[in-house]
Amino acid sequence: MYALLLIYLILRDTTAQVIPPAELQVVTSSGIINGIYNNTESTVRGFIGIPYAEPPVGSLRWAPPIPKSSGDLIDASTFSDPCAQVYIYSNHSIWSVLPYKIWNSANMSEDCLYLNVWAPSKRRDEKRRNKAAVMMFIHGGSYFSGSGSVGYYDGTYLVQDNEDIIVVTFNYRLTVFGFPNSPGLDPKKQNLGLMDQYPEKPLVRALALHSGTAPLLVTPSNNENWNNLSTDLGCGVGAKSHDCMSQVPAMKILEARAHGNYSFYPVVDNVLVFPDYAARARRGKLARLPTLAGMTEREYSAFFPLNSESVNLTQIYEGGQVRYNCPLRDSVRIRVANNIPIWRYLYHGNFSSLSPIPWLGAYHGAEIPMLFGTYNLSNVYPTSAIEAKASKYIQGAWVSFAKDPYTGLTRYGWPRFRFNEPTLINIALNNSIPAILTSATWDQCCEEESVRSEL
């Protein structure tokens, strides 16, 4: 089972007898894993590039994830290749300037179902009284790009500077390889990229942090994009095209997908994806779990070229409202109405090392390197003392929530969100710490009865 590999790794008895060096070698159902010390102080163990499923290649290209079978010694010291994907950002995008873009046609691969684990050293483990909280990060990228193996998502600093936590990141299949919508597949087995994230048992029975992605995009189940792509590749249409497409090299598929500008997103299967989340929520069909939700002040600025002679800030704010804030508002409203504990933040940080041009401000995903403590990976501008302080403050909040989702943030000084009350947590407003509490005035820009499915 998927869970066995990771549970053995992160929740095993630290006194278990294993082959030396015991601290960096872990015996699992899938083989022996050799990790590394991930910092100079040897306080963080890294188990990097652990296969959690059989490689989805050949006949398994469009198959649900299959548990990794027992094998030889696993060298868990380096990141795996990102999953095969399409990178659409130009050299003038903030995503290309900062250390996000580590993937390209030279190193992406179909063999990509790997995870990364950062855990405290054994001597730190021996001092803790409780099991460590697990913070799982599911990368964004709108289902056609991204990777859990990006430098900004390195969990070393987060584990190094906080007690009793473990950080997990991983890759999942993307674009046509993750969401083929093929007429040759079982309708309930089309969302392979989601199945990689949520197999029959969760990878980790713990709190999952899902950040850095846009709201769920759902496409109709009419196979149109698949048929167009398979026709371009000489495989025709219909169920018969599936076997033909399975033989086409992955890079050739990606080239045709990019040339035809075909989109592949999750489809409604009534197993992992449903047609109307708002209606389901009103019927009480939603996870009644504490939630920390939020966005950045200038989400949309990330999608403007850095060499723009001028930008329209009104357009940036309006784009962020439509694409991010209004769906978020609807999701928050459902949870508040159901008395589900929810905390809501708005990140404002505008630090030169991450936002080298002032109008960028707090763009989409700008808070993520602050959370991971990897803001110093940027060579654009030096970091500042207040930036380091803000990062520690953000880490403290997320770790408090991970350890105690019900009361951790309240004890941290953050109130549960309520509409029309000063409970919106403004982080790094004017680059200041601690947070400033206001009401959610931005919500006034949303339609009162907006219809959204992304909850």
Protein backbone atom coordinates (compact mmCIF):
# COMPACT_ATOMS: atom_id res chain seq x y z
CA MET A 1 0.00 0.00 0.00
CA TYR A 2 1.10 3.58 -0.63
CA ALA A 3 0.61 4.49 3.00
CA LEU A 4 2.90 1.72 4.24
CA LEU A 5 6.02 3.10 2.62
CA LEU A 6 5.64 6.58 4.05
CA ILE A 7 4.19 5.57 7.41
CA TYR A 8 7.11 3.21 8.01
CA LEU A 9 9.44 6.03 7.11
CA ILE A 10 8.05 8.83 9.25
CA LEU A 11 6.24 7.15 12.11
CA ARG A 12 8.47 4.18 12.82
CA ASP A 13 9.88 3.60 16.33
CA THR A 14 13.14 5.53 16.41
CA THR A 15 14.69 2.81 18.57
CA ALA A 16 14.18 0.12 15.91
CA GLN A 17 17.25 -1.91 15.03
CA VAL A 18 18.38 -1.19 11.47
CA ILE A 19 21.61 -1.53 9.58
CA PRO A 20 24.00 1.37 10.32
CA PRO A 21 23.88 4.25 9.85
CA ALA A 22 20.52 3.71 11.49
CA GLU A 23 19.47 7.34 11.38
CA LEU A 24 19.72 7.62 7.62
CA GLN A 25 18.71 4.12 6.57
CA VAL A 26 15.08 3.04 6.71
CA VAL A 27 13.67 -0.41 5.99
CA THR A 28 10.29 -0.26 4.24
CA SER A 29 7.97 -2.60 2.39
CA SER A 30 9.40 -1.23 -0.85
CA GLY A 31 13.06 -1.72 0.00
CA ILE A 32 15.82 -0.10 2.02
CA ILE A 33 15.96 3.68 1.73
CA ASN A 34 19.20 5.58 2.24
CA GLY A 35 18.73 9.25 3.10
CA ILE A 36 21.05 12.15 3.80
CA TYR A 37 21.64 14.92 6.31
CA ASN A 38 20.08 17.91 4.62
CA ASN A 39 21.85 20.69 6.52
CA THR A 40 25.33 21.31 7.87
CA GLU A 41 24.21 20.92 11.48
CA SER A 42 22.89 17.40 10.76
CA THR A 43 19.58 18.26 12.44
CA VAL A 44 17.42 17.45 9.41
CA ARG A 45 17.24 14.13 7.62
CA GLY A 46 16.28 14.22 3.97
CA PHE A 47 14.77 11.27 2.14
CA ILE A 48 14.62 12.76 -1.32
CA GLY A 49 13.30 11.06 -4.43
CA ILE A 50 11.48 8.05 -2.98
CA PRO A 51 9.39 6.16 -5.57
CA TYR A 52 5.85 5.79 -4.23
CA ALA A 53 4.42 3.97 -7.27
CA GLU A 54 5.59 1.94 -10.20
CA PRO A 55 6.77 4.14 -13.10
CA PRO A 56 3.69 5.06 -15.20
CA VAL A 57 5.33 4.14 -18.49
CA GLY A 58 4.52 1.73 -21.29
CA SER A 59 1.30 -0.12 -20.55
CA LEU A 60 0.99 1.84 -17.28
CA ARG A 61 1.05 5.27 -18.95
CA TRP A 62 -2.67 5.81 -18.39
CA ALA A 63 -3.21 3.34 -15.56
CA PRO A 64 -4.09 4.21 -11.95
CA PRO A 65 -1.01 4.35 -9.71
CA ILE A 66 0.30 0.93 -8.73
CA PRO A 67 2.10 0.54 -5.37
CA LYS A 68 5.85 0.32 -5.68
CA SER A 69 7.02 -3.26 -5.34
CA SER A 70 9.85 -4.29 -3.08
CA GLY A 71 13.21 -3.75 -4.70
CA ASP A 72 16.85 -2.97 -4.19
CA LEU A 73 18.46 -0.23 -2.15
CA ILE A 74 16.88 3.18 -2.85
CA ASP A 75 19.22 6.15 -2.99
CA ALA A 76 17.08 8.93 -1.53
CA SER A 77 19.59 11.77 -1.86
CA THR A 78 18.47 13.76 -4.93
CA PHE A 79 15.26 15.09 -6.40
CA SER A 80 13.58 13.05 -9.10
CA ASP A 81 12.75 14.46 -12.51
CA PRO A 82 9.53 16.50 -12.72
CA CYS A 83 6.60 14.89 -14.50
CA ALA A 84 6.22 15.41 -18.26
CA GLN A 85 4.51 18.76 -18.75
CA VAL A 86 4.14 21.95 -20.75
CA TYR A 87 5.92 25.10 -19.57
CA ILE A 88 4.20 28.16 -21.02
CA TYR A 89 5.96 31.03 -19.28
CA SER A 90 8.36 33.30 -21.18
CA ASN A 91 11.82 34.40 -20.09
CA HIS A 92 10.20 37.62 -18.90
CA SER A 93 7.94 35.85 -16.39
CA ILE A 94 8.65 35.98 -12.67
CA TRP A 95 8.45 32.17 -12.76
CA SER A 96 11.49 32.12 -15.04
CA VAL A 97 13.51 34.71 -13.11
CA LEU A 98 13.25 33.08 -9.70
CA PRO A 99 14.28 29.49 -8.88
CA TYR A 100 10.94 27.92 -9.79
CA LYS A 101 11.83 26.74 -13.29
CA ILE A 102 14.00 23.68 -12.79
CA TRP A 103 12.08 21.60 -15.30
CA ASN A 104 12.57 21.57 -19.05
CA SER A 105 12.49 19.13 -21.95
CA ALA A 106 15.94 17.85 -20.97
CA ASN A 107 15.06 16.53 -17.52
CA MET A 108 11.29 15.97 -17.34
CA SER A 109 10.15 12.36 -17.39
CA GLU A 110 7.15 10.07 -17.33
CA ASP A 111 8.93 8.17 -14.56
CA CYS A 112 8.15 10.84 -11.99
CA LEU A 113 6.00 9.45 -9.17
CA TYR A 114 8.36 10.24 -6.33
CA LEU A 115 8.01 11.93 -2.97
CA ASN A 116 10.38 13.80 -0.66
CA VAL A 117 10.45 13.71 3.13
CA TRP A 118 12.28 15.98 5.55
CA ALA A 119 12.34 14.82 9.18
CA PRO A 120 14.16 15.81 12.38
CA SER A 121 17.40 14.05 13.25
CA LYS A 122 17.27 11.14 15.65
CA ARG A 123 18.68 13.16 18.53
CA ARG A 124 15.89 15.73 18.03
CA ASP A 125 13.36 12.92 17.73
CA GLU A 126 14.42 11.49 21.07
CA LYS A 127 13.54 14.77 22.80
CA ARG A 128 9.97 15.02 21.57
CA ARG A 129 7.04 13.73 23.57
CA ASN A 130 4.42 13.50 20.83
CA LYS A 131 4.32 12.24 17.28
CA ALA A 132 5.42 14.85 14.79
CA ALA A 133 2.84 16.74 12.76
CA VAL A 134 3.10 16.09 9.02
CA MET A 135 2.80 19.01 6.61
CA MET A 136 2.15 17.80 3.08
CA PHE A 137 2.51 20.28 0.25
CA ILE A 138 0.70 19.60 -3.04
CA HIS A 139 2.25 21.81 -5.70
CA GLY A 140 0.23 24.03 -8.03
CA GLY A 141 0.55 24.67 -11.75
CA SER A 142 -3.05 24.38 -13.00
CA TYR A 143 -2.59 20.67 -13.70
CA PHE A 144 -0.29 21.19 -16.70
CA SER A 145 3.00 22.19 -15.02
CA GLY A 146 4.80 22.16 -11.70
CA SER A 147 6.74 19.81 -9.47
CA GLY A 148 7.25 18.93 -5.84
CA SER A 149 10.99 18.98 -6.56
CA VAL A 150 11.41 22.76 -6.88
CA GLY A 151 14.10 24.43 -4.78
CA TYR A 152 11.59 26.80 -3.19
CA TYR A 153 9.70 23.75 -1.85
CA ASP A 154 12.71 22.31 0.00
CA GLY A 155 11.49 21.40 3.47
CA THR A 156 14.90 21.63 5.16
CA TYR A 157 14.50 25.07 6.74
CA LEU A 158 10.94 24.46 7.85
CA VAL A 159 11.97 21.32 9.73
CA GLN A 160 15.26 22.82 10.92
CA ASP A 161 13.68 25.86 12.55
CA ASN A 162 10.55 24.27 14.03
CA GLU A 163 10.12 21.37 16.42
CA ASP A 164 8.11 18.19 15.93
CA ILE A 165 7.18 18.51 12.27
CA ILE A 166 7.81 16.52 9.11
CA VAL A 167 7.44 17.97 5.60
CA VAL A 168 6.39 16.00 2.53
CA THR A 169 6.26 17.05 -1.13
CA PHE A 170 5.65 14.90 -4.19
CA ASN A 171 5.02 14.81 -7.92
CA TYR A 172 1.84 13.77 -9.67
CA ARG A 173 1.00 13.28 -13.34
CA LEU A 174 0.07 16.38 -15.32
CA THR A 175 -1.65 17.53 -18.50
CA VAL A 176 -2.68 14.69 -20.88
CA PHE A 177 -0.71 12.12 -18.85
CA GLY A 178 -2.62 12.96 -15.69
CA PHE A 179 -6.02 13.91 -17.10
CA PRO A 180 -6.39 12.26 -20.53
CA ASN A 181 -10.19 12.14 -20.80
CA SER A 182 -9.65 9.25 -23.19
CA PRO A 183 -12.61 7.32 -24.67
CA GLY A 184 -10.53 4.18 -24.15
CA LEU A 185 -10.48 4.52 -20.37
CA ASP A 186 -13.02 3.75 -17.67
CA PRO A 187 -14.86 7.05 -16.97
CA LYS A 188 -14.02 6.65 -13.29
CA LYS A 189 -10.30 6.33 -13.99
CA GLN A 190 -9.68 9.50 -15.99
CA ASN A 191 -8.31 11.70 -13.18
CA LEU A 192 -4.99 9.93 -12.81
CA GLY A 193 -3.20 13.02 -11.51
CA LEU A 194 -5.68 13.22 -8.64
CA MET A 195 -5.43 9.49 -8.04
CA ASP A 196 -1.67 9.98 -7.65
CA GLN A 197 -2.46 12.46 -4.88
CA TYR A 198 -5.25 10.48 -3.26
CA PRO A 199 -4.86 6.73 -3.81
CA GLU A 200 -7.16 4.26 -2.08
CA LYS A 201 -5.48 5.17 1.21
CA PRO A 202 -3.89 8.61 1.78
CA LEU A 203 -0.13 8.88 1.47
CA VAL A 204 -0.04 10.29 4.98
CA ARG A 205 -2.76 10.11 7.62
CA ALA A 206 -2.14 13.69 8.62
CA LEU A 207 -2.92 17.28 7.86
CA ALA A 208 -2.33 18.17 4.21
CA LEU A 209 -1.40 21.68 3.14
CA HIS A 210 -2.75 22.35 -0.35
CA SER A 211 -1.30 25.62 -1.53
CA GLY A 212 -0.04 27.37 -4.58
CA THR A 213 -2.61 26.34 -7.16
CA ALA A 214 -5.55 27.98 -8.84
CA PRO A 215 -9.12 26.87 -8.08
CA LEU A 216 -10.11 23.51 -9.54
CA LEU A 217 -10.73 23.66 -13.26
CA VAL A 218 -13.18 21.07 -14.53
CA THR A 219 -13.70 20.18 -18.19
CA PRO A 220 -16.67 18.42 -19.78
CA SER A 221 -16.38 14.69 -20.35
CA ASN A 222 -16.68 14.83 -24.12
CA ASN A 223 -13.19 13.60 -25.12
CA GLU A 224 -12.81 16.50 -27.58
CA ASN A 225 -9.26 17.47 -26.64
CA TRP A 226 -8.13 13.85 -26.61
CA ASN A 227 -9.63 13.21 -30.04
CA ASN A 228 -8.04 16.35 -31.49
CA LEU A 229 -4.64 15.47 -30.04
CA SER A 230 -4.78 11.82 -31.09
CA THR A 231 -5.83 12.86 -34.60
CA ASP A 232 -2.86 15.22 -34.83
CA LEU A 233 -0.62 12.30 -33.87
CA GLY A 234 -2.12 9.96 -36.46
CA CYS A 235 -4.03 7.81 -33.97
CA GLY A 236 -7.57 8.72 -35.04
CA VAL A 237 -10.48 9.06 -32.63
CA GLY A 238 -12.57 6.90 -30.35
CA ALA A 239 -11.60 4.02 -28.09
CA LYS A 240 -9.23 2.55 -30.69
CA SER A 241 -7.01 5.61 -30.42
CA HIS A 242 -6.00 4.75 -26.87
CA ASP A 243 -3.70 1.82 -27.72
CA CYS A 244 -2.10 3.82 -30.52
CA MET A 245 -1.45 6.80 -28.24
CA SER A 246 0.17 4.50 -25.69
CA GLN A 247 2.93 3.84 -28.20
CA VAL A 248 3.69 7.48 -29.04
CA PRO A 249 6.80 8.92 -27.32
CA ALA A 250 5.94 11.25 -24.47
CA MET A 251 7.87 14.22 -25.85
CA LYS A 252 6.07 13.92 -29.17
CA ILE A 253 2.73 14.01 -27.34
CA LEU A 254 3.79 17.12 -25.44
CA GLU A 255 4.91 18.87 -28.62
CA ALA A 256 1.58 18.15 -30.31
CA ARG A 257 -0.34 19.22 -27.22
CA ALA A 258 1.51 22.54 -27.09
CA HIS A 259 1.17 23.15 -30.83
CA GLY A 260 -2.57 22.48 -30.75
CA ASN A 261 -3.05 24.34 -27.47
CA TYR A 262 -5.20 21.51 -26.13
CA SER A 263 -6.16 21.64 -22.46
CA PHE A 264 -6.39 18.68 -20.13
CA TYR A 265 -7.92 19.17 -16.69
CA PRO A 266 -9.83 17.05 -14.17
CA VAL A 267 -13.17 15.77 -15.43
CA VAL A 268 -16.32 14.98 -13.49
CA ASP A 269 -16.22 11.33 -12.44
CA ASN A 270 -18.41 11.47 -9.31
CA VAL A 271 -15.61 9.77 -7.41
CA LEU A 272 -12.93 12.44 -7.00
CA VAL A 273 -14.54 15.29 -8.95
CA PHE A 274 -18.19 16.32 -8.74
CA PRO A 275 -20.31 18.65 -10.88
CA ASP A 276 -21.55 21.06 -8.20
CA TYR A 277 -19.56 21.44 -5.02
CA ALA A 278 -21.69 24.30 -3.74
CA ALA A 279 -24.85 22.18 -3.89
CA ARG A 280 -23.06 19.28 -2.20
CA ALA A 281 -21.83 21.57 0.54
CA ARG A 282 -25.33 22.89 1.15
CA ARG A 283 -26.41 19.29 1.67
CA GLY A 284 -23.65 18.87 4.22
CA LYS A 285 -21.38 16.83 1.95
CA LEU A 286 -18.09 18.50 2.78
CA ALA A 287 -15.15 17.77 5.02
CA ARG A 288 -15.88 19.32 8.39
CA LEU A 289 -12.21 19.95 9.11
CA PRO A 290 -10.51 23.13 10.32
CA THR A 291 -9.24 25.16 7.39
CA LEU A 292 -6.58 27.82 6.87
CA ALA A 293 -7.34 29.59 3.60
CA GLY A 294 -6.03 32.69 1.91
CA MET A 295 -4.46 34.44 -1.04
CA THR A 296 -1.98 37.15 -1.93
CA GLU A 297 -2.80 40.80 -2.46
CA ARG A 298 -1.75 40.91 -6.13
CA GLU A 299 -2.32 37.34 -7.28
CA TYR A 300 -2.66 38.32 -10.92
CA SER A 301 0.56 40.33 -11.24
CA ALA A 302 2.55 37.11 -11.72
CA PHE A 303 1.00 36.71 -15.15
CA PHE A 304 2.30 40.04 -16.50
CA PRO A 305 5.73 40.19 -18.23
CA LEU A 306 8.43 41.76 -16.10
CA ASN A 307 9.56 43.91 -19.03
CA SER A 308 6.17 45.62 -19.29
CA GLU A 309 6.65 49.37 -19.67
CA SER A 310 3.52 49.96 -17.64
CA VAL A 311 0.92 47.85 -15.89
CA ASN A 312 -2.68 48.48 -14.99
CA LEU A 313 -3.00 47.84 -11.26
CA THR A 314 -6.79 47.97 -11.53
CA GLN A 315 -6.62 45.09 -14.02
CA ILE A 316 -4.32 43.19 -11.68
CA TYR A 317 -6.66 43.62 -8.73
CA GLU A 318 -9.76 42.77 -10.77
CA GLY A 319 -8.10 39.66 -12.18
CA GLY A 320 -7.21 38.52 -8.68
CA GLN A 321 -10.79 39.10 -7.55
CA VAL A 322 -12.39 37.05 -10.31
CA ARG A 323 -9.83 34.26 -10.40
CA TYR A 324 -9.01 33.87 -6.72
CA ASN A 325 -10.77 36.00 -4.13
CA CYS A 326 -14.40 35.45 -5.13
CA PRO A 327 -14.10 31.64 -5.30
CA LEU A 328 -12.28 31.80 -1.98
CA ARG A 329 -15.01 33.99 -0.50
CA ASP A 330 -17.68 31.48 -1.58
CA SER A 331 -15.74 28.60 -0.07
CA VAL A 332 -15.23 30.48 3.19
CA ARG A 333 -18.90 31.42 3.35
CA ILE A 334 -19.97 27.77 3.10
CA ARG A 335 -17.67 26.83 5.97
CA VAL A 336 -18.71 29.71 8.17
CA ALA A 337 -22.37 28.82 7.58
CA ASN A 338 -21.63 25.24 8.64
CA ASN A 339 -19.72 26.40 11.74
CA ILE A 340 -16.52 24.80 10.47
CA PRO A 341 -13.44 26.43 12.03
CA ILE A 342 -11.75 28.57 9.38
CA TRP A 343 -9.00 31.15 9.45
CA ARG A 344 -8.55 33.48 6.49
CA TYR A 345 -5.43 35.44 5.53
CA LEU A 346 -4.34 37.99 2.94
CA TYR A 347 -0.57 38.11 2.28
CA HIS A 348 0.88 41.51 1.35
CA GLY A 349 4.65 41.01 1.55
CA ASN A 350 6.60 42.98 -1.08
CA PHE A 351 10.22 41.96 -0.57
CA SER A 352 12.75 42.74 -3.32
CA SER A 353 14.37 39.29 -3.21
CA LEU A 354 11.06 37.75 -4.32
CA SER A 355 9.39 40.75 -6.00
CA PRO A 356 12.26 42.45 -7.86
CA ILE A 357 9.91 44.95 -9.52
CA PRO A 358 7.76 46.94 -7.06
CA TRP A 359 4.47 46.62 -9.00
CA LEU A 360 4.65 42.83 -8.63
CA GLY A 361 3.87 43.10 -4.94
CA ALA A 362 2.57 39.91 -3.36
CA TYR A 363 1.93 37.89 -6.53
CA HIS A 364 0.50 34.38 -6.88
CA GLY A 365 2.52 32.00 -4.71
CA ALA A 366 4.77 34.70 -3.21
CA GLU A 367 4.06 33.49 0.33
CA ILE A 368 5.23 29.93 -0.38
CA PRO A 369 9.02 30.51 -0.17
CA MET A 370 8.31 32.54 2.98
CA LEU A 371 6.59 29.48 4.45
CA PHE A 372 9.37 27.11 3.44
CA GLY A 373 12.09 29.55 4.53
CA THR A 374 13.62 29.38 1.05
CA TYR A 375 13.21 33.07 0.22
CA ASN A 376 17.02 33.36 0.37
CA LEU A 377 17.44 31.20 -2.75
CA SER A 378 16.84 34.24 -4.92
CA ASN A 379 19.95 35.97 -6.24
CA VAL A 380 18.05 38.95 -7.59
CA TYR A 381 18.36 41.09 -4.46
CA PRO A 382 19.71 40.37 -0.97
CA THR A 383 17.24 39.41 1.74
CA SER A 384 16.46 41.63 4.70
CA ALA A 385 16.08 41.15 8.44
CA ILE A 386 12.37 41.96 8.30
CA GLU A 387 11.94 39.36 5.54
CA ALA A 388 13.55 36.72 7.75
CA LYS A 389 11.30 37.79 10.62
CA ALA A 390 8.21 37.57 8.42
CA SER A 391 9.20 34.08 7.29
CA LYS A 392 9.58 32.91 10.90
CA TYR A 393 6.20 34.42 11.73
CA ILE A 394 4.47 32.66 8.82
CA GLN A 395 6.14 29.37 9.67
CA GLY A 396 5.00 29.72 13.27
CA ALA A 397 1.39 30.11 12.18
CA TRP A 398 1.36 27.18 9.76
CA VAL A 399 3.16 24.90 12.23
CA SER A 400 0.74 25.88 15.00
CA PHE A 401 -2.15 24.94 12.72
CA ALA A 402 -0.53 21.66 11.69
CA LYS A 403 0.05 20.61 15.29
CA ASP A 404 -3.39 21.67 16.54
CA PRO A 405 -5.86 22.50 13.74
CA TYR A 406 -8.66 23.40 16.18
CA THR A 407 -7.01 25.82 18.57
CA GLY A 408 -3.42 26.27 17.44
CA LEU A 409 -4.02 29.48 15.48
CA THR A 410 -6.25 30.95 18.16
CA ARG A 411 -3.43 30.51 20.66
CA TYR A 412 -1.10 32.07 18.07
CA GLY A 413 -3.25 35.20 18.18
CA TRP A 414 -5.24 34.66 14.99
CA PRO A 415 -9.05 34.77 15.32
CA ARG A 416 -11.45 32.49 13.48
CA PHE A 417 -12.86 34.26 10.46
CA ARG A 418 -16.25 35.94 10.62
CA PHE A 419 -17.77 38.13 7.93
CA ASN A 420 -18.20 41.81 8.79
CA GLU A 421 -15.80 41.50 11.71
CA PRO A 422 -12.08 42.42 11.92
CA THR A 423 -10.95 38.81 11.52
CA LEU A 424 -9.12 38.89 8.15
CA ILE A 425 -5.46 38.22 8.94
CA ASN A 426 -3.32 40.63 6.93
CA ILE A 427 0.20 39.19 6.84
CA ALA A 428 3.19 41.46 6.14
CA LEU A 429 1.03 44.47 5.39
CA ASN A 430 3.58 47.18 4.55
CA ASN A 431 6.15 44.43 5.26
CA SER A 432 5.32 44.61 8.96
CA ILE A 433 4.93 41.89 11.57
CA PRO A 434 2.75 40.76 13.37
CA ALA A 435 -0.45 40.47 11.36
CA ILE A 436 -3.02 43.26 11.23
CA LEU A 437 -6.70 42.37 11.56
CA THR A 438 -9.34 43.98 9.34
CA SER A 439 -12.69 43.06 7.85
CA ALA A 440 -12.78 41.45 4.40
CA THR A 441 -13.63 44.60 2.44
CA TRP A 442 -12.36 43.06 -0.80
CA ASP A 443 -15.38 40.79 -0.87
CA GLN A 444 -17.52 43.76 -1.87
CA CYS A 445 -16.14 43.33 -5.41
CA CYS A 446 -17.66 39.84 -5.70
CA GLU A 447 -21.11 39.18 -7.03
CA GLU A 448 -23.48 38.51 -4.18
CA GLU A 449 -24.74 35.30 -5.73
CA SER A 450 -21.67 34.19 -7.67
CA VAL A 451 -21.89 30.61 -8.84
CA ARG A 452 -18.69 28.68 -8.24
CA SER A 453 -17.90 24.98 -8.15
CA GLU A 454 -14.42 25.27 -6.63
CA LEU A 455 -14.92 24.77 -2.93
